[in-house]
Amino acid sequence: MSHYKKLYDKIKNNPKDVSFEEINKLLTKVGGFTRRNPKSGSSHYIYHHPDLTEQISIPKDRPVKVIYIKKALKLFEIVREDF
């Protein structure tokens, strides 16, 4: 689990330089979120967790804007309090 802890720390300490693949890995592999692929014409992936009513939409752009990263981290920290 130390690999994912390092990934979380990297994202938390520098949310400006996060790729879509990194935040996707953190949410799906560690956080237990499910990802819904975009419908036609959209570039936004929707993440949902069974314990939360809120969803997050993240565009697959490089780099991902800080506002999306901070919101994703907030939801991740609600679900995974042990991080």
C-alpha atoms as a PDB file:
ATOM      1  CA  MET A   1       0.000   0.000   0.000  1.00  0.00           C
ATOM      2  CA  SER A   2       2.995   2.309   0.312  1.00  0.00           C
ATOM      3  CA  HIS A   3       2.971   2.918  -3.452  1.00  0.00           C
ATOM      4  CA  TYR A   4      -0.545   4.346  -3.248  1.00  0.00           C
ATOM      5  CA  LYS A   5       0.311   6.329  -0.117  1.00  0.00           C
ATOM      6  CA  LYS A   6       3.185   7.958  -2.019  1.00  0.00           C
ATOM      7  CA  LEU A   7       0.825   8.707  -4.902  1.00  0.00           C
ATOM      8  CA  TYR A   8      -1.673  10.288  -2.509  1.00  0.00           C
ATOM      9  CA  ASP A   9       1.066  12.396  -0.875  1.00  0.00           C
ATOM     10  CA  LYS A  10       2.341  13.531  -4.285  1.00  0.00           C
ATOM     11  CA  ILE A  11      -1.131  14.614  -5.382  1.00  0.00           C
ATOM     12  CA  LYS A  12      -1.912  16.269  -2.034  1.00  0.00           C
ATOM     13  CA  ASN A  13       1.355  18.231  -1.954  1.00  0.00           C
ATOM     14  CA  ASN A  14       1.263  19.418  -5.565  1.00  0.00           C
ATOM     15  CA  PRO A  15      -2.283  19.447  -7.009  1.00  0.00           C
ATOM     16  CA  LYS A  16      -1.145  21.612  -9.940  1.00  0.00           C
ATOM     17  CA  ASP A  17       0.899  18.864 -11.563  1.00  0.00           C
ATOM     18  CA  VAL A  18      -1.421  15.835 -11.609  1.00  0.00           C
ATOM     19  CA  SER A  19      -2.208  13.748 -14.653  1.00  0.00           C
ATOM     20  CA  PHE A  20      -5.585  12.183 -15.321  1.00  0.00           C
ATOM     21  CA  GLU A  21      -4.049   8.725 -14.971  1.00  0.00           C
ATOM     22  CA  GLU A  22      -2.756   9.506 -11.461  1.00  0.00           C
ATOM     23  CA  ILE A  23      -6.059  10.806 -10.070  1.00  0.00           C
ATOM     24  CA  ASN A  24      -7.919   8.002 -11.843  1.00  0.00           C
ATOM     25  CA  LYS A  25      -5.656   5.388 -10.224  1.00  0.00           C
ATOM     26  CA  LEU A  26      -6.086   6.917  -6.765  1.00  0.00           C
ATOM     27  CA  LEU A  27      -9.876   7.063  -7.000  1.00  0.00           C
ATOM     28  CA  THR A  28     -10.527   3.680  -8.617  1.00  0.00           C
ATOM     29  CA  LYS A  29      -7.793   1.436  -7.202  1.00  0.00           C
ATOM     30  CA  VAL A  30      -7.609   2.798  -3.650  1.00  0.00           C
ATOM     31  CA  GLY A  31     -10.748   4.819  -3.059  1.00  0.00           C
ATOM     32  CA  GLY A  32     -13.277   2.307  -4.330  1.00  0.00           C
ATOM     33  CA  PHE A  33     -14.873   4.733  -6.783  1.00  0.00           C
ATOM     34  CA  THR A  34     -16.460   3.492  -9.975  1.00  0.00           C
ATOM     35  CA  ARG A  35     -15.854   5.359 -13.211  1.00  0.00           C
ATOM     36  CA  ARG A  36     -18.480   5.960 -15.854  1.00  0.00           C
ATOM     37  CA  ASN A  37     -17.080   6.683 -19.291  1.00  0.00           C
ATOM     38  CA  PRO A  38     -18.207   9.817 -21.093  1.00  0.00           C
ATOM     39  CA  LYS A  39     -21.154   9.744 -23.399  1.00  0.00           C
ATOM     40  CA  SER A  40     -20.691  10.796 -26.989  1.00  0.00           C
ATOM     41  CA  GLY A  41     -19.245  14.247 -27.424  1.00  0.00           C
ATOM     42  CA  SER A  42     -18.011  14.630 -23.854  1.00  0.00           C
ATOM     43  CA  SER A  43     -14.545  14.329 -22.344  1.00  0.00           C
ATOM     44  CA  HIS A  44     -15.672  14.165 -18.690  1.00  0.00           C
ATOM     45  CA  TYR A  45     -15.482  10.948 -16.690  1.00  0.00           C
ATOM     46  CA  ILE A  46     -17.946  10.599 -13.802  1.00  0.00           C
ATOM     47  CA  TYR A  47     -16.772   9.040 -10.524  1.00  0.00           C
ATOM     48  CA  HIS A  48     -19.223   7.658  -7.982  1.00  0.00           C
ATOM     49  CA  HIS A  49     -18.788   5.964  -4.617  1.00  0.00           C
ATOM     50  CA  PRO A  50     -21.552   3.849  -3.025  1.00  0.00           C
ATOM     51  CA  ASP A  51     -21.131   5.559   0.368  1.00  0.00           C
ATOM     52  CA  LEU A  52     -21.481   9.091  -1.053  1.00  0.00           C
ATOM     53  CA  THR A  53     -24.373  10.921  -2.664  1.00  0.00           C
ATOM     54  CA  GLU A  54     -22.052  13.351  -4.431  1.00  0.00           C
ATOM     55  CA  GLN A  55     -20.375  12.541  -7.732  1.00  0.00           C
ATOM     56  CA  ILE A  56     -17.355  14.144  -9.334  1.00  0.00           C
ATOM     57  CA  SER A  57     -16.793  14.860 -12.978  1.00  0.00           C
ATOM     58  CA  ILE A  58     -13.177  15.036 -14.204  1.00  0.00           C
ATOM     59  CA  PRO A  59     -12.208  15.957 -17.766  1.00  0.00           C
ATOM     60  CA  LYS A  60      -9.456  13.959 -19.391  1.00  0.00           C
ATOM     61  CA  ASP A  61      -7.218  16.933 -20.153  1.00  0.00           C
ATOM     62  CA  ARG A  62      -3.551  17.400 -19.428  1.00  0.00           C
ATOM     63  CA  PRO A  63      -2.950  18.683 -16.871  1.00  0.00           C
ATOM     64  CA  VAL A  64      -6.180  18.380 -14.923  1.00  0.00           C
ATOM     65  CA  LYS A  65      -7.209  21.684 -13.353  1.00  0.00           C
ATOM     66  CA  VAL A  66      -6.551  22.134  -9.643  1.00  0.00           C
ATOM     67  CA  ILE A  67     -10.237  22.599  -8.783  1.00  0.00           C
ATOM     68  CA  TYR A  68     -11.014  19.051  -9.976  1.00  0.00           C
ATOM     69  CA  ILE A  69      -8.075  17.583  -8.048  1.00  0.00           C
ATOM     70  CA  LYS A  70      -9.005  19.325  -4.797  1.00  0.00           C
ATOM     71  CA  LYS A  71     -12.619  18.192  -5.045  1.00  0.00           C
ATOM     72  CA  ALA A  72     -11.536  14.617  -5.827  1.00  0.00           C
ATOM     73  CA  LEU A  73      -9.158  14.621  -2.836  1.00  0.00           C
ATOM     74  CA  LYS A  74     -11.911  15.926  -0.572  1.00  0.00           C
ATOM     75  CA  LEU A  75     -14.212  13.053  -1.553  1.00  0.00           C
ATOM     76  CA  PHE A  76     -11.363  10.547  -1.372  1.00  0.00           C
ATOM     77  CA  GLU A  77     -10.517  11.666   2.176  1.00  0.00           C
ATOM     78  CA  ILE A  78     -14.154  11.269   3.249  1.00  0.00           C
ATOM     79  CA  VAL A  79     -14.163   7.671   2.041  1.00  0.00           C
ATOM     80  CA  ARG A  80     -10.610   6.747   3.075  1.00  0.00           C
ATOM     81  CA  GLU A  81     -10.049   8.294   6.484  1.00  0.00           C
ATOM     82  CA  ASP A  82      -6.996   6.091   7.055  1.00  0.00           C
ATOM     83  CA  PHE A  83      -4.902   8.031   4.516  1.00  0.00           C
END
